Amino acid sequence: MPSAQPTVLLVDDEKDVVDVYALAFSEDYRVLKAYSGEEALGKASDADVVLLDRRMPGLSGREVLAEIRDRDIDVRVAMVTAVDPDFDIAEMGFDAYLTKPVGDEELRETVDELLTLSEYDDQVRERFAIAEKLGALEAEKTRSELAESEEYRELTERASELDARASETVSGMDRDTFEQAISGLSEPNEDGTDG
């Protein structure tokens, strides 16, 4: 259950990187730090969002992510890595994929998105993660590479299935139920701006 102040776990084997990221979150978030995959697994259940380096000695970020999902730890995970996305990301259970270098603003925006995402059901979270994977691949790969990729095709098909299911759910609702279901999505903040 998220605490009043969201907790972000920063995981990277380079201490300087973790310390720089921590500065971006120190005012508005509780920050946990881990410098290895093993240490990250020990702290993951105490976090709301994990920013996870993919390439680490010992237990890699990919292995940490798989273990987090195997243990069914309820946490959103963003891979923050120097590894350009390839088709192998299709099978990874992350919620967002950021390629280094990443600025403070992008880190905070990603964490805020993932905290918001935590409030939604599994289907919405899965659709968001698929959109992240498709976006990462489309930014990195050529059209012909995408067209030849079985992983990419499977991701787009799953996205279409989820979109169709959401459309059926919405079309099956009467107007009052639909408005009630989405009322929390665009509530204005106290200053009058949209959330």
N, C-alpha and C. Protein backbone atom coordinates (compact mmCIF):
# COMPACT_ATOMS: atom_id res chain seq x y z
N MET A 1 0.85 -1.20 0.00
CA MET A 1 0.00 0.00 0.00
C MET A 1 0.88 1.24 0.00
N PRO A 2 0.66 2.16 -0.96
CA PRO A 2 1.53 3.33 -1.05
C PRO A 2 1.44 4.20 0.20
N SER A 3 2.58 4.72 0.62
CA SER A 3 2.61 5.62 1.78
C SER A 3 2.14 7.00 1.33
N ALA A 4 1.94 7.90 2.30
CA ALA A 4 1.50 9.26 1.97
C ALA A 4 2.50 9.91 1.03
N GLN A 5 3.77 9.69 1.28
CA GLN A 5 4.81 10.19 0.38
C GLN A 5 5.28 9.00 -0.45
N PRO A 6 5.12 9.04 -1.78
CA PRO A 6 5.48 7.89 -2.60
C PRO A 6 6.95 7.52 -2.43
N THR A 7 7.23 6.22 -2.51
CA THR A 7 8.59 5.72 -2.35
C THR A 7 9.14 5.26 -3.69
N VAL A 8 10.32 5.79 -4.03
CA VAL A 8 11.00 5.43 -5.26
C VAL A 8 12.28 4.69 -4.90
N LEU A 9 12.45 3.50 -5.48
CA LEU A 9 13.67 2.73 -5.30
C LEU A 9 14.54 2.95 -6.53
N LEU A 10 15.75 3.47 -6.31
CA LEU A 10 16.70 3.74 -7.38
C LEU A 10 17.75 2.64 -7.39
N VAL A 11 17.87 1.94 -8.53
CA VAL A 11 18.77 0.79 -8.61
C VAL A 11 19.76 0.98 -9.74
N ASP A 12 21.03 1.06 -9.41
CA ASP A 12 22.10 1.15 -10.41
C ASP A 12 23.39 0.76 -9.71
N ASP A 13 24.26 0.03 -10.42
CA ASP A 13 25.52 -0.37 -9.79
C ASP A 13 26.51 0.78 -9.71
N GLU A 14 26.21 1.92 -10.37
CA GLU A 14 27.06 3.09 -10.28
C GLU A 14 26.49 4.04 -9.23
N LYS A 15 27.18 4.15 -8.11
CA LYS A 15 26.70 4.95 -6.97
C LYS A 15 26.42 6.40 -7.37
N ASP A 16 27.28 6.98 -8.21
CA ASP A 16 27.09 8.37 -8.64
C ASP A 16 25.76 8.57 -9.37
N VAL A 17 25.39 7.59 -10.19
CA VAL A 17 24.13 7.68 -10.93
C VAL A 17 22.95 7.68 -9.96
N VAL A 18 22.98 6.78 -8.99
CA VAL A 18 21.91 6.71 -7.99
C VAL A 18 21.81 8.02 -7.22
N ASP A 19 22.96 8.56 -6.83
CA ASP A 19 22.97 9.81 -6.06
C ASP A 19 22.42 10.98 -6.87
N VAL A 20 22.73 11.04 -8.16
CA VAL A 20 22.20 12.10 -9.03
C VAL A 20 20.69 11.95 -9.18
N TYR A 21 20.22 10.72 -9.41
CA TYR A 21 18.78 10.48 -9.52
C TYR A 21 18.07 10.86 -8.22
N ALA A 22 18.70 10.54 -7.10
CA ALA A 22 18.08 10.81 -5.80
C ALA A 22 17.79 12.30 -5.62
N LEU A 23 18.65 13.16 -6.16
CA LEU A 23 18.42 14.61 -6.06
C LEU A 23 17.11 15.02 -6.72
N ALA A 24 16.73 14.31 -7.80
CA ALA A 24 15.50 14.65 -8.51
C ALA A 24 14.26 14.34 -7.68
N PHE A 25 14.40 13.44 -6.71
CA PHE A 25 13.23 12.98 -5.95
C PHE A 25 13.25 13.37 -4.48
N SER A 26 14.33 13.94 -4.01
CA SER A 26 14.54 14.11 -2.57
C SER A 26 13.45 14.95 -1.88
N GLU A 27 12.85 15.91 -2.58
CA GLU A 27 11.88 16.78 -1.92
C GLU A 27 10.49 16.16 -1.80
N ASP A 28 10.04 15.48 -2.84
CA ASP A 28 8.64 15.03 -2.88
C ASP A 28 8.44 13.54 -2.70
N TYR A 29 9.52 12.79 -2.60
CA TYR A 29 9.42 11.34 -2.52
C TYR A 29 10.31 10.80 -1.42
N ARG A 30 9.94 9.66 -0.90
CA ARG A 30 10.86 8.90 -0.05
C ARG A 30 11.74 8.11 -1.00
N VAL A 31 13.05 8.18 -0.81
CA VAL A 31 13.99 7.56 -1.73
C VAL A 31 14.70 6.39 -1.06
N LEU A 32 14.70 5.25 -1.73
CA LEU A 32 15.50 4.10 -1.33
C LEU A 32 16.56 3.90 -2.41
N LYS A 33 17.74 3.45 -2.00
CA LYS A 33 18.83 3.25 -2.96
C LYS A 33 19.31 1.81 -2.89
N ALA A 34 19.66 1.27 -4.06
CA ALA A 34 20.26 -0.07 -4.14
C ALA A 34 21.33 -0.04 -5.22
N TYR A 35 22.46 -0.67 -4.91
CA TYR A 35 23.59 -0.65 -5.83
C TYR A 35 23.86 -2.02 -6.45
N SER A 36 22.93 -2.95 -6.26
CA SER A 36 23.05 -4.28 -6.87
C SER A 36 21.66 -4.87 -7.01
N GLY A 37 21.57 -5.88 -7.86
CA GLY A 37 20.30 -6.56 -8.04
C GLY A 37 19.80 -7.22 -6.77
N GLU A 38 20.72 -7.83 -6.04
CA GLU A 38 20.35 -8.51 -4.79
C GLU A 38 19.78 -7.51 -3.78
N GLU A 39 20.44 -6.36 -3.66
CA GLU A 39 19.98 -5.32 -2.73
C GLU A 39 18.61 -4.79 -3.18
N ALA A 40 18.42 -4.66 -4.49
CA ALA A 40 17.14 -4.18 -5.02
C ALA A 40 16.00 -5.11 -4.65
N LEU A 41 16.23 -6.41 -4.75
CA LEU A 41 15.17 -7.37 -4.41
C LEU A 41 14.79 -7.29 -2.94
N GLY A 42 15.75 -6.97 -2.10
CA GLY A 42 15.46 -6.83 -0.67
C GLY A 42 14.63 -5.61 -0.34
N LYS A 43 14.61 -4.61 -1.23
CA LYS A 43 13.90 -3.35 -0.96
C LYS A 43 12.68 -3.13 -1.85
N ALA A 44 12.50 -3.94 -2.88
CA ALA A 44 11.44 -3.70 -3.87
C ALA A 44 10.04 -3.67 -3.26
N SER A 45 9.78 -4.50 -2.27
CA SER A 45 8.43 -4.54 -1.69
C SER A 45 8.12 -3.29 -0.86
N ASP A 46 9.12 -2.48 -0.56
CA ASP A 46 8.92 -1.24 0.19
C ASP A 46 8.72 -0.04 -0.72
N ALA A 47 8.72 -0.25 -2.03
CA ALA A 47 8.65 0.85 -2.99
C ALA A 47 7.32 0.88 -3.72
N ASP A 48 6.99 2.05 -4.25
CA ASP A 48 5.84 2.21 -5.14
C ASP A 48 6.29 2.13 -6.59
N VAL A 49 7.50 2.69 -6.86
CA VAL A 49 8.07 2.68 -8.20
C VAL A 49 9.56 2.32 -8.08
N VAL A 50 10.03 1.49 -9.01
CA VAL A 50 11.45 1.13 -9.07
C VAL A 50 12.02 1.65 -10.38
N LEU A 51 13.11 2.41 -10.30
CA LEU A 51 13.88 2.80 -11.48
C LEU A 51 15.08 1.87 -11.52
N LEU A 52 15.11 1.00 -12.52
CA LEU A 52 16.01 -0.15 -12.53
C LEU A 52 16.96 -0.13 -13.71
N ASP A 53 18.27 -0.14 -13.41
CA ASP A 53 19.28 -0.25 -14.45
C ASP A 53 19.22 -1.67 -15.02
N ARG A 54 19.37 -1.79 -16.31
CA ARG A 54 19.26 -3.11 -16.94
C ARG A 54 20.56 -3.90 -16.86
N ARG A 55 21.67 -3.21 -17.04
CA ARG A 55 22.96 -3.90 -17.13
C ARG A 55 23.75 -3.68 -15.83
N MET A 56 23.76 -4.72 -14.98
CA MET A 56 24.51 -4.67 -13.72
C MET A 56 25.25 -5.99 -13.56
N PRO A 57 26.41 -5.95 -12.89
CA PRO A 57 27.10 -7.21 -12.62
C PRO A 57 26.30 -8.04 -11.62
N GLY A 58 26.52 -9.34 -11.62
CA GLY A 58 25.77 -10.20 -10.71
C GLY A 58 24.37 -10.37 -11.24
N LEU A 59 23.39 -10.01 -10.45
CA LEU A 59 21.98 -10.11 -10.84
C LEU A 59 21.62 -8.91 -11.71
N SER A 60 21.35 -9.15 -12.99
CA SER A 60 21.07 -8.05 -13.92
C SER A 60 19.69 -7.46 -13.65
N GLY A 61 19.47 -6.28 -14.22
CA GLY A 61 18.17 -5.64 -14.08
C GLY A 61 17.05 -6.50 -14.66
N ARG A 62 17.33 -7.16 -15.75
CA ARG A 62 16.32 -8.06 -16.36
C ARG A 62 15.95 -9.18 -15.39
N GLU A 63 16.96 -9.74 -14.71
CA GLU A 63 16.71 -10.81 -13.73
C GLU A 63 15.97 -10.28 -12.51
N VAL A 64 16.33 -9.08 -12.07
CA VAL A 64 15.63 -8.46 -10.94
C VAL A 64 14.17 -8.24 -11.30
N LEU A 65 13.92 -7.71 -12.48
CA LEU A 65 12.55 -7.48 -12.95
C LEU A 65 11.75 -8.78 -12.98
N ALA A 66 12.35 -9.83 -13.53
CA ALA A 66 11.66 -11.13 -13.60
C ALA A 66 11.33 -11.64 -12.19
N GLU A 67 12.26 -11.46 -11.26
CA GLU A 67 12.04 -11.93 -9.89
C GLU A 67 10.95 -11.10 -9.19
N ILE A 68 10.94 -9.79 -9.44
CA ILE A 68 9.89 -8.93 -8.87
C ILE A 68 8.53 -9.42 -9.35
N ARG A 69 8.41 -9.73 -10.63
CA ARG A 69 7.14 -10.20 -11.18
C ARG A 69 6.81 -11.61 -10.67
N ASP A 70 7.82 -12.48 -10.57
CA ASP A 70 7.58 -13.84 -10.06
C ASP A 70 7.09 -13.82 -8.62
N ARG A 71 7.62 -12.90 -7.84
CA ARG A 71 7.22 -12.78 -6.43
C ARG A 71 5.90 -12.02 -6.28
N ASP A 72 5.37 -11.53 -7.39
CA ASP A 72 4.11 -10.80 -7.40
C ASP A 72 4.16 -9.56 -6.49
N ILE A 73 5.30 -8.88 -6.52
CA ILE A 73 5.44 -7.63 -5.76
C ILE A 73 4.69 -6.54 -6.52
N ASP A 74 3.78 -5.87 -5.85
CA ASP A 74 2.94 -4.86 -6.49
C ASP A 74 3.70 -3.54 -6.56
N VAL A 75 4.49 -3.39 -7.61
CA VAL A 75 5.30 -2.20 -7.80
C VAL A 75 5.41 -1.94 -9.30
N ARG A 76 5.44 -0.67 -9.67
CA ARG A 76 5.65 -0.30 -11.07
C ARG A 76 7.16 -0.21 -11.29
N VAL A 77 7.63 -0.66 -12.46
CA VAL A 77 9.06 -0.69 -12.74
C VAL A 77 9.36 0.01 -14.06
N ALA A 78 10.30 0.95 -14.00
CA ALA A 78 10.82 1.59 -15.21
C ALA A 78 12.27 1.15 -15.38
N MET A 79 12.58 0.61 -16.53
CA MET A 79 13.98 0.31 -16.85
C MET A 79 14.62 1.64 -17.25
N VAL A 80 15.75 1.96 -16.65
CA VAL A 80 16.50 3.16 -16.98
C VAL A 80 17.89 2.67 -17.35
N THR A 81 18.20 2.69 -18.65
CA THR A 81 19.33 1.92 -19.12
C THR A 81 20.03 2.54 -20.32
N ALA A 82 21.28 2.19 -20.49
CA ALA A 82 22.03 2.61 -21.67
C ALA A 82 21.84 1.60 -22.81
N VAL A 83 21.10 0.51 -22.55
CA VAL A 83 20.86 -0.51 -23.56
C VAL A 83 19.71 -0.06 -24.45
N ASP A 84 20.01 0.15 -25.75
CA ASP A 84 18.95 0.53 -26.68
C ASP A 84 17.93 -0.60 -26.76
N PRO A 85 16.65 -0.28 -26.86
CA PRO A 85 15.64 -1.32 -26.89
C PRO A 85 15.75 -2.19 -28.13
N ASP A 86 15.60 -3.49 -27.93
CA ASP A 86 15.58 -4.45 -29.02
C ASP A 86 14.32 -5.29 -28.84
N PHE A 87 14.06 -6.20 -29.75
CA PHE A 87 12.82 -6.96 -29.71
C PHE A 87 12.68 -7.84 -28.47
N ASP A 88 13.80 -8.08 -27.77
CA ASP A 88 13.72 -8.88 -26.53
C ASP A 88 12.90 -8.20 -25.44
N ILE A 89 12.67 -6.89 -25.55
CA ILE A 89 11.89 -6.20 -24.52
C ILE A 89 10.42 -6.63 -24.53
N ALA A 90 9.98 -7.24 -25.63
CA ALA A 90 8.57 -7.65 -25.74
C ALA A 90 8.18 -8.58 -24.60
N GLU A 91 9.12 -9.38 -24.12
CA GLU A 91 8.83 -10.36 -23.07
C GLU A 91 9.11 -9.85 -21.66
N MET A 92 9.64 -8.65 -21.56
CA MET A 92 10.00 -8.12 -20.24
C MET A 92 8.80 -7.45 -19.58
N GLY A 93 8.68 -7.60 -18.26
CA GLY A 93 7.51 -7.11 -17.53
C GLY A 93 7.63 -5.72 -16.96
N PHE A 94 8.34 -4.82 -17.64
CA PHE A 94 8.45 -3.45 -17.14
C PHE A 94 7.23 -2.63 -17.52
N ASP A 95 7.10 -1.47 -16.88
CA ASP A 95 6.01 -0.55 -17.17
C ASP A 95 6.46 0.61 -18.05
N ALA A 96 7.74 0.94 -18.02
CA ALA A 96 8.28 2.03 -18.85
C ALA A 96 9.75 1.72 -19.14
N TYR A 97 10.26 2.27 -20.27
CA TYR A 97 11.63 2.02 -20.69
C TYR A 97 12.26 3.34 -21.08
N LEU A 98 13.27 3.75 -20.32
CA LEU A 98 13.97 5.00 -20.57
C LEU A 98 15.41 4.70 -20.94
N THR A 99 15.88 5.33 -22.02
CA THR A 99 17.26 5.11 -22.44
C THR A 99 18.12 6.28 -21.97
N LYS A 100 19.21 5.95 -21.26
CA LYS A 100 20.13 6.97 -20.75
C LYS A 100 20.80 7.70 -21.91
N PRO A 101 21.14 8.97 -21.73
CA PRO A 101 20.97 9.76 -20.52
C PRO A 101 19.53 10.23 -20.35
N VAL A 102 19.10 10.30 -19.11
CA VAL A 102 17.74 10.71 -18.77
C VAL A 102 17.82 11.89 -17.81
N GLY A 103 17.09 12.95 -18.12
CA GLY A 103 17.08 14.14 -17.28
C GLY A 103 16.14 14.01 -16.11
N ASP A 104 16.32 14.90 -15.13
CA ASP A 104 15.48 14.90 -13.93
C ASP A 104 13.99 15.00 -14.25
N GLU A 105 13.66 15.89 -15.17
CA GLU A 105 12.24 16.11 -15.50
C GLU A 105 11.61 14.84 -16.07
N GLU A 106 12.33 14.18 -16.98
CA GLU A 106 11.80 12.94 -17.57
C GLU A 106 11.64 11.85 -16.51
N LEU A 107 12.60 11.77 -15.58
CA LEU A 107 12.49 10.79 -14.49
C LEU A 107 11.26 11.06 -13.64
N ARG A 108 11.07 12.31 -13.24
CA ARG A 108 9.92 12.65 -12.40
C ARG A 108 8.59 12.43 -13.13
N GLU A 109 8.54 12.81 -14.41
CA GLU A 109 7.31 12.59 -15.19
C GLU A 109 6.98 11.11 -15.29
N THR A 110 7.99 10.30 -15.51
CA THR A 110 7.78 8.86 -15.61
C THR A 110 7.28 8.29 -14.30
N VAL A 111 7.90 8.68 -13.21
CA VAL A 111 7.47 8.19 -11.89
C VAL A 111 6.04 8.63 -11.61
N ASP A 112 5.72 9.88 -11.92
CA ASP A 112 4.36 10.36 -11.69
C ASP A 112 3.34 9.58 -12.53
N GLU A 113 3.69 9.29 -13.79
CA GLU A 113 2.80 8.49 -14.64
C GLU A 113 2.59 7.10 -14.05
N LEU A 114 3.67 6.50 -13.57
CA LEU A 114 3.58 5.14 -13.03
C LEU A 114 2.80 5.12 -11.72
N LEU A 115 2.92 6.16 -10.92
CA LEU A 115 2.13 6.24 -9.69
C LEU A 115 0.64 6.34 -10.03
N THR A 116 0.32 7.14 -11.04
CA THR A 116 -1.07 7.26 -11.49
C THR A 116 -1.55 5.91 -12.03
N LEU A 117 -0.70 5.25 -12.80
CA LEU A 117 -1.04 3.96 -13.39
C LEU A 117 -1.36 2.92 -12.32
N SER A 118 -0.72 3.03 -11.17
CA SER A 118 -0.94 2.07 -10.08
C SER A 118 -2.39 2.06 -9.60
N GLU A 119 -3.11 3.14 -9.88
CA GLU A 119 -4.50 3.24 -9.44
C GLU A 119 -5.46 2.49 -10.35
N TYR A 120 -4.98 2.03 -11.50
CA TYR A 120 -5.84 1.38 -12.48
C TYR A 120 -5.69 -0.13 -12.44
N ASP A 121 -6.58 -0.81 -13.15
CA ASP A 121 -6.56 -2.28 -13.13
C ASP A 121 -5.46 -2.84 -14.03
N ASP A 122 -5.31 -4.16 -13.95
CA ASP A 122 -4.23 -4.84 -14.68
C ASP A 122 -4.31 -4.61 -16.18
N GLN A 123 -5.53 -4.58 -16.72
CA GLN A 123 -5.70 -4.42 -18.16
C GLN A 123 -5.17 -3.06 -18.62
N VAL A 124 -5.47 -2.01 -17.88
CA VAL A 124 -4.99 -0.67 -18.22
C VAL A 124 -3.46 -0.62 -18.10
N ARG A 125 -2.93 -1.23 -17.03
CA ARG A 125 -1.48 -1.23 -16.84
C ARG A 125 -0.79 -2.01 -17.96
N GLU A 126 -1.38 -3.13 -18.37
CA GLU A 126 -0.79 -3.92 -19.46
C GLU A 126 -0.79 -3.11 -20.75
N ARG A 127 -1.88 -2.41 -21.03
CA ARG A 127 -1.97 -1.62 -22.27
C ARG A 127 -0.93 -0.50 -22.26
N PHE A 128 -0.73 0.13 -21.10
CA PHE A 128 0.28 1.17 -20.98
C PHE A 128 1.68 0.59 -21.24
N ALA A 129 1.98 -0.56 -20.64
CA ALA A 129 3.29 -1.19 -20.83
C ALA A 129 3.52 -1.56 -22.29
N ILE A 130 2.48 -2.06 -22.96
CA ILE A 130 2.62 -2.41 -24.38
C ILE A 130 2.88 -1.14 -25.20
N ALA A 131 2.18 -0.06 -24.89
CA ALA A 131 2.41 1.20 -25.59
C ALA A 131 3.85 1.67 -25.41
N GLU A 132 4.39 1.50 -24.20
CA GLU A 132 5.79 1.87 -23.93
C GLU A 132 6.74 1.03 -24.79
N LYS A 133 6.48 -0.28 -24.87
CA LYS A 133 7.33 -1.18 -25.66
C LYS A 133 7.26 -0.83 -27.15
N LEU A 134 6.05 -0.64 -27.64
CA LEU A 134 5.89 -0.28 -29.05
C LEU A 134 6.59 1.04 -29.36
N GLY A 135 6.43 2.02 -28.49
CA GLY A 135 7.07 3.32 -28.70
C GLY A 135 8.59 3.21 -28.70
N ALA A 136 9.12 2.42 -27.76
CA ALA A 136 10.59 2.24 -27.69
C ALA A 136 11.11 1.57 -28.95
N LEU A 137 10.41 0.54 -29.41
CA LEU A 137 10.85 -0.18 -30.61
C LEU A 137 10.70 0.69 -31.86
N GLU A 138 9.60 1.43 -31.96
CA GLU A 138 9.38 2.27 -33.13
C GLU A 138 10.41 3.40 -33.22
N ALA A 139 10.91 3.86 -32.08
CA ALA A 139 11.92 4.91 -32.08
C ALA A 139 13.29 4.36 -32.48
N GLU A 140 13.50 3.08 -32.26
CA GLU A 140 14.82 2.47 -32.46
C GLU A 140 14.96 1.70 -33.78
N LYS A 141 13.87 1.11 -34.25
CA LYS A 141 13.93 0.19 -35.39
C LYS A 141 13.36 0.82 -36.66
N THR A 142 13.80 0.29 -37.82
CA THR A 142 13.25 0.75 -39.09
C THR A 142 11.90 0.08 -39.33
N ARG A 143 11.15 0.63 -40.27
CA ARG A 143 9.85 0.03 -40.60
C ARG A 143 10.00 -1.41 -41.06
N SER A 144 11.03 -1.68 -41.86
CA SER A 144 11.20 -3.05 -42.36
C SER A 144 11.57 -4.00 -41.21
N GLU A 145 12.39 -3.53 -40.26
CA GLU A 145 12.72 -4.37 -39.11
C GLU A 145 11.47 -4.67 -38.28
N LEU A 146 10.63 -3.66 -38.11
CA LEU A 146 9.38 -3.86 -37.38
C LEU A 146 8.47 -4.84 -38.12
N ALA A 147 8.38 -4.68 -39.43
CA ALA A 147 7.51 -5.53 -40.23
C ALA A 147 7.94 -7.00 -40.17
N GLU A 148 9.24 -7.23 -40.00
CA GLU A 148 9.75 -8.61 -39.98
C GLU A 148 9.75 -9.23 -38.59
N SER A 149 9.41 -8.47 -37.58
CA SER A 149 9.52 -8.95 -36.20
C SER A 149 8.24 -9.61 -35.70
N GLU A 150 8.37 -10.86 -35.31
CA GLU A 150 7.25 -11.59 -34.70
C GLU A 150 6.86 -10.97 -33.37
N GLU A 151 7.86 -10.55 -32.58
CA GLU A 151 7.60 -9.93 -31.28
C GLU A 151 6.78 -8.65 -31.44
N TYR A 152 7.16 -7.83 -32.41
CA TYR A 152 6.44 -6.57 -32.66
C TYR A 152 5.01 -6.86 -33.09
N ARG A 153 4.83 -7.85 -33.98
CA ARG A 153 3.49 -8.21 -34.44
C ARG A 153 2.63 -8.66 -33.26
N GLU A 154 3.20 -9.48 -32.38
CA GLU A 154 2.45 -9.96 -31.22
C GLU A 154 2.06 -8.82 -30.29
N LEU A 155 2.97 -7.86 -30.10
CA LEU A 155 2.65 -6.70 -29.26
C LEU A 155 1.50 -5.89 -29.86
N THR A 156 1.55 -5.65 -31.17
CA THR A 156 0.48 -4.86 -31.80
C THR A 156 -0.85 -5.60 -31.76
N GLU A 157 -0.82 -6.92 -31.93
CA GLU A 157 -2.06 -7.70 -31.84
C GLU A 157 -2.64 -7.64 -30.43
N ARG A 158 -1.77 -7.76 -29.41
CA ARG A 158 -2.25 -7.70 -28.03
C ARG A 158 -2.83 -6.31 -27.72
N ALA A 159 -2.18 -5.27 -28.24
CA ALA A 159 -2.69 -3.91 -28.04
C ALA A 159 -4.09 -3.79 -28.66
N SER A 160 -4.27 -4.33 -29.85
CA SER A 160 -5.58 -4.29 -30.51
C SER A 160 -6.63 -5.04 -29.71
N GLU A 161 -6.25 -6.22 -29.17
CA GLU A 161 -7.19 -6.99 -28.34
C GLU A 161 -7.63 -6.17 -27.12
N LEU A 162 -6.67 -5.56 -26.44
CA LEU A 162 -6.99 -4.78 -25.24
C LEU A 162 -7.84 -3.56 -25.59
N ASP A 163 -7.53 -2.92 -26.72
CA ASP A 163 -8.32 -1.77 -27.15
C ASP A 163 -9.76 -2.19 -27.45
N ALA A 164 -9.92 -3.33 -28.13
CA ALA A 164 -11.27 -3.82 -28.46
C ALA A 164 -12.04 -4.16 -27.20
N ARG A 165 -11.36 -4.79 -26.24
CA ARG A 165 -12.01 -5.16 -24.98
C ARG A 165 -12.46 -3.90 -24.22
N ALA A 166 -11.59 -2.89 -24.20
CA ALA A 166 -11.95 -1.63 -23.52
C ALA A 166 -13.12 -0.97 -24.22
N SER A 167 -13.11 -1.00 -25.55
CA SER A 167 -14.20 -0.41 -26.33
C SER A 167 -15.52 -1.11 -26.05
N GLU A 168 -15.49 -2.45 -25.97
CA GLU A 168 -16.70 -3.22 -25.64
C GLU A 168 -17.22 -2.86 -24.25
N THR A 169 -16.28 -2.74 -23.30
CA THR A 169 -16.67 -2.41 -21.93
C THR A 169 -17.36 -1.05 -21.89
N VAL A 170 -16.76 -0.07 -22.55
CA VAL A 170 -17.31 1.28 -22.56
C VAL A 170 -18.65 1.31 -23.28
N SER A 171 -18.76 0.64 -24.44
CA SER A 171 -20.02 0.68 -25.19
C SER A 171 -21.15 -0.03 -24.46
N GLY A 172 -20.80 -0.95 -23.55
CA GLY A 172 -21.81 -1.65 -22.78
C GLY A 172 -22.33 -0.86 -21.58
N MET A 173 -21.73 0.27 -21.30
CA MET A 173 -22.14 1.08 -20.14
C MET A 173 -23.18 2.11 -20.56
N ASP A 174 -24.09 2.41 -19.64
CA ASP A 174 -24.97 3.54 -19.92
C ASP A 174 -24.18 4.82 -19.60
N ARG A 175 -24.72 5.95 -20.00
CA ARG A 175 -23.99 7.22 -19.88
C ARG A 175 -23.58 7.54 -18.44
N ASP A 176 -24.49 7.33 -17.48
CA ASP A 176 -24.18 7.64 -16.08
C ASP A 176 -23.05 6.78 -15.55
N THR A 177 -23.07 5.47 -15.88
CA THR A 177 -22.02 4.56 -15.42
C THR A 177 -20.68 4.96 -16.02
N PHE A 178 -20.69 5.29 -17.33
CA PHE A 178 -19.46 5.70 -18.01
C PHE A 178 -18.89 6.97 -17.37
N GLU A 179 -19.75 7.97 -17.16
CA GLU A 179 -19.28 9.22 -16.57
C GLU A 179 -18.74 9.01 -15.16
N GLN A 180 -19.39 8.12 -14.42
CA GLN A 180 -18.91 7.82 -13.07
C GLN A 180 -17.56 7.12 -13.13
N ALA A 181 -17.39 6.23 -14.11
CA ALA A 181 -16.13 5.47 -14.23
C ALA A 181 -14.95 6.36 -14.56
N ILE A 182 -15.20 7.41 -15.37
CA ILE A 182 -14.08 8.27 -15.78
C ILE A 182 -13.98 9.55 -14.97
N SER A 183 -14.88 9.76 -14.03
CA SER A 183 -14.89 11.03 -13.29
C SER A 183 -13.58 11.32 -12.59
N GLY A 184 -12.89 10.31 -12.10
CA GLY A 184 -11.63 10.53 -11.41
C GLY A 184 -10.45 10.76 -12.33
N LEU A 185 -10.63 10.51 -13.63
CA LEU A 185 -9.50 10.62 -14.55
C LEU A 185 -9.10 12.05 -14.84
N SER A 186 -10.07 12.96 -14.84
CA SER A 186 -9.73 14.33 -15.22
C SER A 186 -10.23 15.35 -14.19
N GLU A 187 -10.21 14.95 -12.93
CA GLU A 187 -10.59 15.89 -11.87
C GLU A 187 -9.62 17.05 -11.85
N PRO A 188 -10.09 18.29 -11.83
CA PRO A 188 -9.15 19.41 -11.75
C PRO A 188 -8.45 19.44 -10.40
N ASN A 189 -7.21 19.92 -10.41
CA ASN A 189 -6.46 20.10 -9.18
C ASN A 189 -7.04 21.29 -8.42
N GLU A 190 -6.59 21.50 -7.19
CA GLU A 190 -7.09 22.61 -6.39
C GLU A 190 -6.84 23.96 -7.05
N ASP A 191 -5.77 24.06 -7.87
CA ASP A 191 -5.48 25.33 -8.52
C ASP A 191 -6.30 25.52 -9.80
N GLY A 192 -7.19 24.54 -10.09
CA GLY A 192 -8.08 24.68 -11.24
C GLY A 192 -7.55 24.06 -12.52
N THR A 193 -6.30 23.58 -12.53
CA THR A 193 -5.75 22.95 -13.71
C THR A 193 -6.13 21.48 -13.73
N ASP A 194 -6.07 20.90 -14.91
CA ASP A 194 -6.35 19.47 -15.03
C ASP A 194 -5.23 18.67 -14.39
N GLY A 195 -5.60 17.50 -13.82
CA GLY A 195 -4.64 16.63 -13.16
C GLY A 195 -3.88 15.87 -14.14
